[in-house]
Amino acid sequence: MILERQLADAGLAQYAEEIDRRQRLLTSVALSEASPIHWAPSVTLPTLTYGVRDDHLVVPSDLESIYDAVAAEDKEMFWIEHTNARWDGYTWFQRHPERILQFFDARMTSR
């Protein structure tokens, strides 16, 4: 579903099967099977889901579906705005730790 849409957007839909096959050879998991939505219902710990809203590879509804599938009652979603660079998502909390520190602070007790 996600893979097919991304490949179609890139004009590569006719290569979906081959891309999936090669990904499986490299990683043992096909791209079509790699979505975290399959594992989300097993997540019961407090969860902060985040993503780059304008990421070219992930549409917001995909991340929202994963968030909705997380079984944890204590969960929040955070969007990184004003960028379309995926890498900004990987480095966001190093540059802006306030949000993740707030999340942990609200859930941890001092000893």
PDB file of N, CA and C in Angstrom:
ATOM      1  N   MET A   1       0.829  -1.181   0.000  1.00  0.00           N
ATOM      2  CA  MET A   1       0.000   0.000   0.000  1.00  0.00           C
ATOM      3  C   MET A   1       0.874   1.246   0.000  1.00  0.00           C
ATOM      4  N   ILE A   2       1.685   1.441   1.044  1.00  0.00           N
ATOM      5  CA  ILE A   2       2.549   2.612   1.112  1.00  0.00           C
ATOM      6  C   ILE A   2       3.599   2.551   0.010  1.00  0.00           C
ATOM      7  N   LEU A   3       4.230   1.380  -0.146  1.00  0.00           N
ATOM      8  CA  LEU A   3       5.269   1.206  -1.162  1.00  0.00           C
ATOM      9  C   LEU A   3       4.723   1.493  -2.553  1.00  0.00           C
ATOM     10  N   GLU A   4       3.575   0.955  -2.867  1.00  0.00           N
ATOM     11  CA  GLU A   4       3.004   1.158  -4.195  1.00  0.00           C
ATOM     12  C   GLU A   4       2.731   2.630  -4.468  1.00  0.00           C
ATOM     13  N   ARG A   5       2.228   3.347  -3.474  1.00  0.00           N
ATOM     14  CA  ARG A   5       1.939   4.780  -3.650  1.00  0.00           C
ATOM     15  C   ARG A   5       3.234   5.558  -3.867  1.00  0.00           C
ATOM     16  N   GLN A   6       4.276   5.253  -3.091  1.00  0.00           N
ATOM     17  CA  GLN A   6       5.539   5.952  -3.227  1.00  0.00           C
ATOM     18  C   GLN A   6       6.170   5.685  -4.587  1.00  0.00           C
ATOM     19  N   LEU A   7       6.134   4.439  -5.029  1.00  0.00           N
ATOM     20  CA  LEU A   7       6.704   4.105  -6.330  1.00  0.00           C
ATOM     21  C   LEU A   7       5.913   4.755  -7.458  1.00  0.00           C
ATOM     22  N   ALA A   8       4.597   4.784  -7.333  1.00  0.00           N
ATOM     23  CA  ALA A   8       3.764   5.427  -8.348  1.00  0.00           C
ATOM     24  C   ALA A   8       4.084   6.919  -8.415  1.00  0.00           C
ATOM     25  N   ASP A   9       4.236   7.549  -7.248  1.00  0.00           N
ATOM     26  CA  ASP A   9       4.566   8.973  -7.213  1.00  0.00           C
ATOM     27  C   ASP A   9       5.909   9.252  -7.877  1.00  0.00           C
ATOM     28  N   ALA A  10       6.831   8.293  -7.788  1.00  0.00           N
ATOM     29  CA  ALA A  10       8.159   8.461  -8.380  1.00  0.00           C
ATOM     30  C   ALA A  10       8.213   7.968  -9.824  1.00  0.00           C
ATOM     31  N   GLY A  11       7.095   7.473 -10.353  1.00  0.00           N
ATOM     32  CA  GLY A  11       7.066   6.962 -11.715  1.00  0.00           C
ATOM     33  C   GLY A  11       7.738   5.603 -11.859  1.00  0.00           C
ATOM     34  N   LEU A  12       7.788   4.849 -10.770  1.00  0.00           N
ATOM     35  CA  LEU A  12       8.485   3.555 -10.766  1.00  0.00           C
ATOM     36  C   LEU A  12       7.582   2.377 -10.437  1.00  0.00           C
ATOM     37  N   ALA A  13       6.287   2.543 -10.565  1.00  0.00           N
ATOM     38  CA  ALA A  13       5.343   1.498 -10.164  1.00  0.00           C
ATOM     39  C   ALA A  13       5.618   0.156 -10.840  1.00  0.00           C
ATOM     40  N   GLN A  14       6.079   0.189 -12.079  1.00  0.00           N
ATOM     41  CA  GLN A  14       6.311  -1.067 -12.804  1.00  0.00           C
ATOM     42  C   GLN A  14       7.474  -1.871 -12.209  1.00  0.00           C
ATOM     43  N   TYR A  15       8.273  -1.268 -11.319  1.00  0.00           N
ATOM     44  CA  TYR A  15       9.422  -1.950 -10.715  1.00  0.00           C
ATOM     45  C   TYR A  15       9.151  -2.427  -9.283  1.00  0.00           C
ATOM     46  N   ALA A  16       7.923  -2.311  -8.815  1.00  0.00           N
ATOM     47  CA  ALA A  16       7.589  -2.625  -7.426  1.00  0.00           C
ATOM     48  C   ALA A  16       8.009  -4.036  -7.031  1.00  0.00           C
ATOM     49  N   GLU A  17       7.710  -5.014  -7.838  1.00  0.00           N
ATOM     50  CA  GLU A  17       8.046  -6.400  -7.510  1.00  0.00           C
ATOM     51  C   GLU A  17       9.553  -6.593  -7.390  1.00  0.00           C
ATOM     52  N   GLU A  18      10.300  -6.027  -8.329  1.00  0.00           N
ATOM     53  CA  GLU A  18      11.761  -6.185  -8.313  1.00  0.00           C
ATOM     54  C   GLU A  18      12.378  -5.456  -7.130  1.00  0.00           C
ATOM     55  N   ILE A  19      11.893  -4.287  -6.817  1.00  0.00           N
ATOM     56  CA  ILE A  19      12.398  -3.545  -5.660  1.00  0.00           C
ATOM     57  C   ILE A  19      12.114  -4.327  -4.383  1.00  0.00           C
ATOM     58  N   ASP A  20      10.925  -4.857  -4.269  1.00  0.00           N
ATOM     59  CA  ASP A  20      10.560  -5.656  -3.109  1.00  0.00           C
ATOM     60  C   ASP A  20      11.473  -6.885  -2.992  1.00  0.00           C
ATOM     61  N   ARG A  21      11.717  -7.550  -4.115  1.00  0.00           N
ATOM     62  CA  ARG A  21      12.559  -8.755  -4.120  1.00  0.00           C
ATOM     63  C   ARG A  21      13.985  -8.417  -3.679  1.00  0.00           C
ATOM     64  N   ARG A  22      14.539  -7.337  -4.202  1.00  0.00           N
ATOM     65  CA  ARG A  22      15.911  -6.955  -3.859  1.00  0.00           C
ATOM     66  C   ARG A  22      16.020  -6.516  -2.397  1.00  0.00           C
ATOM     67  N   GLN A  23      15.020  -5.820  -1.915  1.00  0.00           N
ATOM     68  CA  GLN A  23      15.015  -5.421  -0.511  1.00  0.00           C
ATOM     69  C   GLN A  23      15.013  -6.653   0.385  1.00  0.00           C
ATOM     70  N   ARG A  24      14.248  -7.668   0.021  1.00  0.00           N
ATOM     71  CA  ARG A  24      14.211  -8.908   0.803  1.00  0.00           C
ATOM     72  C   ARG A  24      15.591  -9.583   0.777  1.00  0.00           C
ATOM     73  N   LEU A  25      16.253  -9.596  -0.362  1.00  0.00           N
ATOM     74  CA  LEU A  25      17.585 -10.193  -0.453  1.00  0.00           C
ATOM     75  C   LEU A  25      18.584  -9.472   0.453  1.00  0.00           C
ATOM     76  N   LEU A  26      18.483  -8.148   0.518  1.00  0.00           N
ATOM     77  CA  LEU A  26      19.422  -7.359   1.311  1.00  0.00           C
ATOM     78  C   LEU A  26      19.138  -7.406   2.813  1.00  0.00           C
ATOM     79  N   THR A  27      17.866  -7.463   3.191  1.00  0.00           N
ATOM     80  CA  THR A  27      17.514  -7.294   4.605  1.00  0.00           C
ATOM     81  C   THR A  27      16.701  -8.437   5.201  1.00  0.00           C
ATOM     82  N   SER A  28      16.277  -9.385   4.400  1.00  0.00           N
ATOM     83  CA  SER A  28      15.402 -10.490   4.810  1.00  0.00           C
ATOM     84  C   SER A  28      13.966 -10.058   5.035  1.00  0.00           C
ATOM     85  N   VAL A  29      13.659  -8.793   4.789  1.00  0.00           N
ATOM     86  CA  VAL A  29      12.295  -8.288   4.928  1.00  0.00           C
ATOM     87  C   VAL A  29      11.961  -7.469   3.683  1.00  0.00           C
ATOM     88  N   ALA A  30      10.877  -7.806   3.034  1.00  0.00           N
ATOM     89  CA  ALA A  30      10.446  -7.036   1.867  1.00  0.00           C
ATOM     90  C   ALA A  30       9.901  -5.686   2.323  1.00  0.00           C
ATOM     91  N   LEU A  31      10.031  -4.683   1.501  1.00  0.00           N
ATOM     92  CA  LEU A  31       9.494  -3.367   1.846  1.00  0.00           C
ATOM     93  C   LEU A  31       7.998  -3.439   2.128  1.00  0.00           C
ATOM     94  N   SER A  32       7.305  -4.282   1.394  1.00  0.00           N
ATOM     95  CA  SER A  32       5.862  -4.390   1.582  1.00  0.00           C
ATOM     96  C   SER A  32       5.505  -4.983   2.947  1.00  0.00           C
ATOM     97  N   GLU A  33       6.471  -5.591   3.627  1.00  0.00           N
ATOM     98  CA  GLU A  33       6.232  -6.196   4.945  1.00  0.00           C
ATOM     99  C   GLU A  33       6.848  -5.378   6.074  1.00  0.00           C
ATOM    100  N   ALA A  34       7.491  -4.281   5.758  1.00  0.00           N
ATOM    101  CA  ALA A  34       8.303  -3.566   6.738  1.00  0.00           C
ATOM    102  C   ALA A  34       7.552  -2.513   7.544  1.00  0.00           C
ATOM    103  N   SER A  35       6.304  -2.316   7.310  1.00  0.00           N
ATOM    104  CA  SER A  35       5.566  -1.283   8.035  1.00  0.00           C
ATOM    105  C   SER A  35       5.479  -1.612   9.523  1.00  0.00           C
ATOM    106  N   PRO A  36       5.735  -0.631  10.374  1.00  0.00           N
ATOM    107  CA  PRO A  36       5.623  -0.859  11.819  1.00  0.00           C
ATOM    108  C   PRO A  36       4.184  -1.016  12.294  1.00  0.00           C
ATOM    109  N   ILE A  37       3.219  -0.801  11.423  1.00  0.00           N
ATOM    110  CA  ILE A  37       1.821  -0.905  11.856  1.00  0.00           C
ATOM    111  C   ILE A  37       1.481  -2.325  12.330  1.00  0.00           C
ATOM    112  N   HIS A  38       2.203  -3.316  11.823  1.00  0.00           N
ATOM    113  CA  HIS A  38       1.955  -4.705  12.240  1.00  0.00           C
ATOM    114  C   HIS A  38       2.342  -4.930  13.699  1.00  0.00           C
ATOM    115  N   TRP A  39       3.319  -4.187  14.184  1.00  0.00           N
ATOM    116  CA  TRP A  39       3.815  -4.350  15.543  1.00  0.00           C
ATOM    117  C   TRP A  39       3.160  -3.388  16.523  1.00  0.00           C
ATOM    118  N   ALA A  40       2.540  -2.355  16.043  1.00  0.00           N
ATOM    119  CA  ALA A  40       1.987  -1.311  16.909  1.00  0.00           C
ATOM    120  C   ALA A  40       1.031  -1.837  17.982  1.00  0.00           C
ATOM    121  N   PRO A  41       0.156  -2.791  17.689  1.00  0.00           N
ATOM    122  CA  PRO A  41      -0.756  -3.264  18.741  1.00  0.00           C
ATOM    123  C   PRO A  41      -0.060  -3.918  19.935  1.00  0.00           C
ATOM    124  N   SER A  42       1.186  -4.328  19.779  1.00  0.00           N
ATOM    125  CA  SER A  42       1.906  -4.948  20.896  1.00  0.00           C
ATOM    126  C   SER A  42       2.601  -3.919  21.787  1.00  0.00           C
ATOM    127  N   VAL A  43       2.572  -2.654  21.391  1.00  0.00           N
ATOM    128  CA  VAL A  43       3.226  -1.600  22.173  1.00  0.00           C
ATOM    129  C   VAL A  43       2.279  -1.130  23.269  1.00  0.00           C
ATOM    130  N   THR A  44       2.676  -1.366  24.524  1.00  0.00           N
ATOM    131  CA  THR A  44       1.828  -0.992  25.656  1.00  0.00           C
ATOM    132  C   THR A  44       2.495   0.015  26.591  1.00  0.00           C
ATOM    133  N   LEU A  45       3.758   0.306  26.379  1.00  0.00           N
ATOM    134  CA  LEU A  45       4.463   1.289  27.202  1.00  0.00           C
ATOM    135  C   LEU A  45       4.125   2.698  26.726  1.00  0.00           C
ATOM    136  N   PRO A  46       4.310   3.706  27.580  1.00  0.00           N
ATOM    137  CA  PRO A  46       4.098   5.081  27.116  1.00  0.00           C
ATOM    138  C   PRO A  46       4.885   5.336  25.833  1.00  0.00           C
ATOM    139  N   THR A  47       4.238   5.968  24.881  1.00  0.00           N
ATOM    140  CA  THR A  47       4.811   6.092  23.540  1.00  0.00           C
ATOM    141  C   THR A  47       4.681   7.508  23.011  1.00  0.00           C
ATOM    142  N   LEU A  48       5.793   8.024  22.499  1.00  0.00           N
ATOM    143  CA  LEU A  48       5.779   9.295  21.789  1.00  0.00           C
ATOM    144  C   LEU A  48       6.094   8.981  20.331  1.00  0.00           C
ATOM    145  N   THR A  49       5.117   9.155  19.483  1.00  0.00           N
ATOM    146  CA  THR A  49       5.288   8.948  18.051  1.00  0.00           C
ATOM    147  C   THR A  49       5.563  10.304  17.430  1.00  0.00           C
ATOM    148  N   TYR A  50       6.543  10.349  16.534  1.00  0.00           N
ATOM    149  CA  TYR A  50       6.845  11.629  15.903  1.00  0.00           C
ATOM    150  C   TYR A  50       7.255  11.416  14.455  1.00  0.00           C
ATOM    151  N   GLY A  51       7.126  12.477  13.671  1.00  0.00           N
ATOM    152  CA  GLY A  51       7.520  12.395  12.281  1.00  0.00           C
ATOM    153  C   GLY A  51       7.613  13.771  11.666  1.00  0.00           C
ATOM    154  N   VAL A  52       8.285  13.813  10.532  1.00  0.00           N
ATOM    155  CA  VAL A  52       8.386  15.043   9.749  1.00  0.00           C
ATOM    156  C   VAL A  52       7.121  15.117   8.897  1.00  0.00           C
ATOM    157  N   ARG A  53       6.275  16.082   9.187  1.00  0.00           N
ATOM    158  CA  ARG A  53       4.965  16.145   8.527  1.00  0.00           C
ATOM    159  C   ARG A  53       5.073  16.209   7.002  1.00  0.00           C
ATOM    160  N   ASP A  54       6.059  16.914   6.472  1.00  0.00           N
ATOM    161  CA  ASP A  54       6.190  17.075   5.023  1.00  0.00           C
ATOM    162  C   ASP A  54       7.235  16.145   4.409  1.00  0.00           C
ATOM    163  N   ASP A  55       7.562  15.054   5.098  1.00  0.00           N
ATOM    164  CA  ASP A  55       8.492  14.042   4.576  1.00  0.00           C
ATOM    165  C   ASP A  55       7.940  13.527   3.253  1.00  0.00           C
ATOM    166  N   HIS A  56       8.792  13.408   2.255  1.00  0.00           N
ATOM    167  CA  HIS A  56       8.342  12.955   0.938  1.00  0.00           C
ATOM    168  C   HIS A  56       8.014  11.472   0.900  1.00  0.00           C
ATOM    169  N   LEU A  57       8.524  10.695   1.852  1.00  0.00           N
ATOM    170  CA  LEU A  57       8.313   9.248   1.830  1.00  0.00           C
ATOM    171  C   LEU A  57       7.194   8.760   2.737  1.00  0.00           C
ATOM    172  N   VAL A  58       6.769   9.584   3.669  1.00  0.00           N
ATOM    173  CA  VAL A  58       5.718   9.177   4.599  1.00  0.00           C
ATOM    174  C   VAL A  58       4.635  10.245   4.604  1.00  0.00           C
ATOM    175  N   VAL A  59       3.421   9.841   4.316  1.00  0.00           N
ATOM    176  CA  VAL A  59       2.326  10.804   4.390  1.00  0.00           C
ATOM    177  C   VAL A  59       1.758  10.789   5.806  1.00  0.00           C
ATOM    178  N   PRO A  60       1.270  11.927   6.287  1.00  0.00           N
ATOM    179  CA  PRO A  60       0.785  12.000   7.660  1.00  0.00           C
ATOM    180  C   PRO A  60      -0.225  10.915   8.023  1.00  0.00           C
ATOM    181  N   SER A  61      -1.101  10.553   7.126  1.00  0.00           N
ATOM    182  CA  SER A  61      -2.103   9.537   7.470  1.00  0.00           C
ATOM    183  C   SER A  61      -1.467   8.182   7.763  1.00  0.00           C
ATOM    184  N   ASP A  62      -0.302   7.883   7.173  1.00  0.00           N
ATOM    185  CA  ASP A  62       0.388   6.629   7.481  1.00  0.00           C
ATOM    186  C   ASP A  62       0.861   6.628   8.928  1.00  0.00           C
ATOM    187  N   LEU A  63       1.503   7.711   9.351  1.00  0.00           N
ATOM    188  CA  LEU A  63       1.972   7.793  10.729  1.00  0.00           C
ATOM    189  C   LEU A  63       0.794   7.835  11.700  1.00  0.00           C
ATOM    190  N   GLU A  64      -0.266   8.513  11.325  1.00  0.00           N
ATOM    191  CA  GLU A  64      -1.450   8.567  12.183  1.00  0.00           C
ATOM    192  C   GLU A  64      -2.071   7.182  12.336  1.00  0.00           C
ATOM    193  N   SER A  65      -2.041   6.362  11.292  1.00  0.00           N
ATOM    194  CA  SER A  65      -2.553   4.992  11.380  1.00  0.00           C
ATOM    195  C   SER A  65      -1.721   4.156  12.340  1.00  0.00           C
ATOM    196  N   ILE A  66      -0.411   4.335  12.292  1.00  0.00           N
ATOM    197  CA  ILE A  66       0.467   3.621  13.219  1.00  0.00           C
ATOM    198  C   ILE A  66       0.178   4.076  14.649  1.00  0.00           C
ATOM    199  N   TYR A  67       0.075   5.377  14.853  1.00  0.00           N
ATOM    200  CA  TYR A  67      -0.241   5.925  16.172  1.00  0.00           C
ATOM    201  C   TYR A  67      -1.563   5.346  16.694  1.00  0.00           C
ATOM    202  N   ASP A  68      -2.574   5.334  15.861  1.00  0.00           N
ATOM    203  CA  ASP A  68      -3.876   4.803  16.270  1.00  0.00           C
ATOM    204  C   ASP A  68      -3.795   3.333  16.647  1.00  0.00           C
ATOM    205  N   ALA A  69      -2.905   2.579  15.988  1.00  0.00           N
ATOM    206  CA  ALA A  69      -2.790   1.143  16.252  1.00  0.00           C
ATOM    207  C   ALA A  69      -1.982   0.827  17.506  1.00  0.00           C
ATOM    208  N   VAL A  70      -1.204   1.777  18.008  1.00  0.00           N
ATOM    209  CA  VAL A  70      -0.437   1.546  19.232  1.00  0.00           C
ATOM    210  C   VAL A  70      -1.421   1.288  20.370  1.00  0.00           C
ATOM    211  N   ALA A  71      -1.183   0.212  21.110  1.00  0.00           N
ATOM    212  CA  ALA A  71      -2.118  -0.191  22.161  1.00  0.00           C
ATOM    213  C   ALA A  71      -1.958   0.609  23.450  1.00  0.00           C
ATOM    214  N   ALA A  72      -0.863   1.304  23.622  1.00  0.00           N
ATOM    215  CA  ALA A  72      -0.623   2.060  24.852  1.00  0.00           C
ATOM    216  C   ALA A  72      -1.728   3.086  25.071  1.00  0.00           C
ATOM    217  N   GLU A  73      -2.197   3.152  26.327  1.00  0.00           N
ATOM    218  CA  GLU A  73      -3.180   4.182  26.653  1.00  0.00           C
ATOM    219  C   GLU A  73      -2.510   5.550  26.769  1.00  0.00           C
ATOM    220  N   ASP A  74      -1.271   5.554  27.216  1.00  0.00           N
ATOM    221  CA  ASP A  74      -0.497   6.784  27.378  1.00  0.00           C
ATOM    222  C   ASP A  74       0.360   6.963  26.129  1.00  0.00           C
ATOM    223  N   LYS A  75      -0.149   7.763  25.206  1.00  0.00           N
ATOM    224  CA  LYS A  75       0.585   7.984  23.964  1.00  0.00           C
ATOM    225  C   LYS A  75       0.334   9.398  23.462  1.00  0.00           C
ATOM    226  N   GLU A  76       1.335   9.921  22.765  1.00  0.00           N
ATOM    227  CA  GLU A  76       1.248  11.254  22.183  1.00  0.00           C
ATOM    228  C   GLU A  76       1.870  11.214  20.792  1.00  0.00           C
ATOM    229  N   MET A  77       1.428  12.127  19.939  1.00  0.00           N
ATOM    230  CA  MET A  77       2.023  12.272  18.615  1.00  0.00           C
ATOM    231  C   MET A  77       2.573  13.684  18.485  1.00  0.00           C
ATOM    232  N   PHE A  78       3.760  13.771  17.899  1.00  0.00           N
ATOM    233  CA  PHE A  78       4.443  15.050  17.728  1.00  0.00           C
ATOM    234  C   PHE A  78       4.872  15.188  16.273  1.00  0.00           C
ATOM    235  N   TRP A  79       4.530  16.311  15.671  1.00  0.00           N
ATOM    236  CA  TRP A  79       4.912  16.569  14.278  1.00  0.00           C
ATOM    237  C   TRP A  79       6.042  17.576  14.222  1.00  0.00           C
ATOM    238  N   ILE A  80       7.059  17.269  13.442  1.00  0.00           N
ATOM    239  CA  ILE A  80       8.136  18.207  13.153  1.00  0.00           C
ATOM    240  C   ILE A  80       7.689  18.985  11.918  1.00  0.00           C
ATOM    241  N   GLU A  81       7.639  20.285  12.060  1.00  0.00           N
ATOM    242  CA  GLU A  81       7.088  21.157  11.022  1.00  0.00           C
ATOM    243  C   GLU A  81       8.186  21.972  10.328  1.00  0.00           C
ATOM    244  N   HIS A  82       7.827  22.598   9.233  1.00  0.00           N
ATOM    245  CA  HIS A  82       8.661  23.566   8.512  1.00  0.00           C
ATOM    246  C   HIS A  82       9.919  22.949   7.893  1.00  0.00           C
ATOM    247  N   THR A  83       9.839  21.681   7.528  1.00  0.00           N
ATOM    248  CA  THR A  83      10.926  21.014   6.822  1.00  0.00           C
ATOM    249  C   THR A  83      10.338  19.817   6.076  1.00  0.00           C
ATOM    250  N   ASN A  84      10.986  19.422   5.006  1.00  0.00           N
ATOM    251  CA  ASN A  84      10.590  18.187   4.336  1.00  0.00           C
ATOM    252  C   ASN A  84      11.762  17.202   4.339  1.00  0.00           C
ATOM    253  N   ALA A  85      12.817  17.551   5.075  1.00  0.00           N
ATOM    254  CA  ALA A  85      14.012  16.716   5.130  1.00  0.00           C
ATOM    255  C   ALA A  85      13.850  15.623   6.174  1.00  0.00           C
ATOM    256  N   ARG A  86      13.842  14.396   5.733  1.00  0.00           N
ATOM    257  CA  ARG A  86      13.707  13.245   6.628  1.00  0.00           C
ATOM    258  C   ARG A  86      14.762  13.278   7.719  1.00  0.00           C
ATOM    259  N   TRP A  87      15.974  13.668   7.367  1.00  0.00           N
ATOM    260  CA  TRP A  87      17.064  13.668   8.340  1.00  0.00           C
ATOM    261  C   TRP A  87      16.764  14.576   9.528  1.00  0.00           C
ATOM    262  N   ASP A  88      15.991  15.621   9.327  1.00  0.00           N
ATOM    263  CA  ASP A  88      15.617  16.498  10.437  1.00  0.00           C
ATOM    264  C   ASP A  88      14.861  15.731  11.516  1.00  0.00           C
ATOM    265  N   GLY A  89      14.132  14.714  11.124  1.00  0.00           N
ATOM    266  CA  GLY A  89      13.444  13.876  12.106  1.00  0.00           C
ATOM    267  C   GLY A  89      14.405  13.058  12.942  1.00  0.00           C
ATOM    268  N   TYR A  90      15.480  12.586  12.326  1.00  0.00           N
ATOM    269  CA  TYR A  90      16.463  11.778  13.055  1.00  0.00           C
ATOM    270  C   TYR A  90      17.266  12.610  14.045  1.00  0.00           C
ATOM    271  N   THR A  91      17.427  13.886  13.769  1.00  0.00           N
ATOM    272  CA  THR A  91      18.273  14.730  14.623  1.00  0.00           C
ATOM    273  C   THR A  91      17.484  15.767  15.424  1.00  0.00           C
ATOM    274  N   TRP A  92      16.163  15.742  15.319  1.00  0.00           N
ATOM    275  CA  TRP A  92      15.342  16.781  15.941  1.00  0.00           C
ATOM    276  C   TRP A  92      15.591  16.905  17.440  1.00  0.00           C
ATOM    277  N   PHE A  93      15.549  15.794  18.164  1.00  0.00           N
ATOM    278  CA  PHE A  93      15.637  15.859  19.619  1.00  0.00           C
ATOM    279  C   PHE A  93      17.047  16.187  20.110  1.00  0.00           C
ATOM    280  N   GLN A  94      18.069  15.961  19.295  1.00  0.00           N
ATOM    281  CA  GLN A  94      19.404  16.408  19.676  1.00  0.00           C
ATOM    282  C   GLN A  94      19.483  17.928  19.637  1.00  0.00           C
ATOM    283  N   ARG A  95      18.796  18.533  18.671  1.00  0.00           N
ATOM    284  CA  ARG A  95      18.821  19.993  18.528  1.00  0.00           C
ATOM    285  C   ARG A  95      17.755  20.680  19.359  1.00  0.00           C
ATOM    286  N   HIS A  96      16.653  19.972  19.638  1.00  0.00           N
ATOM    287  CA  HIS A  96      15.513  20.527  20.378  1.00  0.00           C
ATOM    288  C   HIS A  96      15.046  19.497  21.416  1.00  0.00           C
ATOM    289  N   PRO A  97      15.778  19.330  22.496  1.00  0.00           N
ATOM    290  CA  PRO A  97      15.460  18.257  23.445  1.00  0.00           C
ATOM    291  C   PRO A  97      14.234  18.521  24.330  1.00  0.00           C
ATOM    292  N   GLU A  98      13.703  19.722  24.308  1.00  0.00           N
ATOM    293  CA  GLU A  98      12.632  20.075  25.243  1.00  0.00           C
ATOM    294  C   GLU A  98      11.450  19.111  25.186  1.00  0.00           C
ATOM    295  N   ARG A  99      10.989  18.777  23.999  1.00  0.00           N
ATOM    296  CA  ARG A  99       9.779  17.956  23.843  1.00  0.00           C
ATOM    297  C   ARG A  99       9.963  16.548  24.387  1.00  0.00           C
ATOM    298  N   ILE A 100      11.082  15.916  24.085  1.00  0.00           N
ATOM    299  CA  ILE A 100      11.308  14.554  24.568  1.00  0.00           C
ATOM    300  C   ILE A 100      11.591  14.559  26.072  1.00  0.00           C
ATOM    301  N   LEU A 101      12.290  15.586  26.565  1.00  0.00           N
ATOM    302  CA  LEU A 101      12.541  15.680  27.998  1.00  0.00           C
ATOM    303  C   LEU A 101      11.238  15.885  28.767  1.00  0.00           C
ATOM    304  N   GLN A 102      10.335  16.685  28.212  1.00  0.00           N
ATOM    305  CA  GLN A 102       9.027  16.894  28.831  1.00  0.00           C
ATOM    306  C   GLN A 102       8.262  15.571  28.904  1.00  0.00           C
ATOM    307  N   PHE A 103       8.307  14.787  27.830  1.00  0.00           N
ATOM    308  CA  PHE A 103       7.624  13.501  27.789  1.00  0.00           C
ATOM    309  C   PHE A 103       8.173  12.567  28.873  1.00  0.00           C
ATOM    310  N   PHE A 104       9.498  12.457  28.966  1.00  0.00           N
ATOM    311  CA  PHE A 104      10.097  11.579  29.977  1.00  0.00           C
ATOM    312  C   PHE A 104       9.857  12.104  31.385  1.00  0.00           C
ATOM    313  N   ASP A 105      10.005  13.399  31.570  1.00  0.00           N
ATOM    314  CA  ASP A 105       9.826  13.992  32.888  1.00  0.00           C
ATOM    315  C   ASP A 105       8.429  13.718  33.442  1.00  0.00           C
ATOM    316  N   ALA A 106       7.429  13.754  32.602  1.00  0.00           N
ATOM    317  CA  ALA A 106       6.051  13.515  33.041  1.00  0.00           C
ATOM    318  C   ALA A 106       5.806  12.050  33.432  1.00  0.00           C
ATOM    319  N   ARG A 107       6.709  11.147  33.056  1.00  0.00           N
ATOM    320  CA  ARG A 107       6.469   9.716  33.273  1.00  0.00           C
ATOM    321  C   ARG A 107       7.482   9.042  34.187  1.00  0.00           C
ATOM    322  N   MET A 108       8.480   9.762  34.619  1.00  0.00           N
ATOM    323  CA  MET A 108       9.508   9.167  35.457  1.00  0.00           C
ATOM    324  C   MET A 108       9.475   9.788  36.853  1.00  0.00           C
ATOM    325  N   THR A 109       9.762   8.976  37.831  1.00  0.00           N
ATOM    326  CA  THR A 109       9.818   9.481  39.194  1.00  0.00           C
ATOM    327  C   THR A 109      11.265   9.497  39.650  1.00  0.00           C
ATOM    328  N   SER A 110      11.591  10.451  40.488  1.00  0.00           N
ATOM    329  CA  SER A 110      12.956  10.492  41.025  1.00  0.00           C
ATOM    330  C   SER A 110      13.045   9.537  42.205  1.00  0.00           C
ATOM    331  N   ARG A 111      14.228   9.047  42.446  1.00  0.00           N
ATOM    332  CA  ARG A 111      14.437   8.082  43.549  1.00  0.00           C
ATOM    333  C   ARG A 111      15.208   8.731  44.656  1.00  0.00           C
TER     334      ARG A 111
END
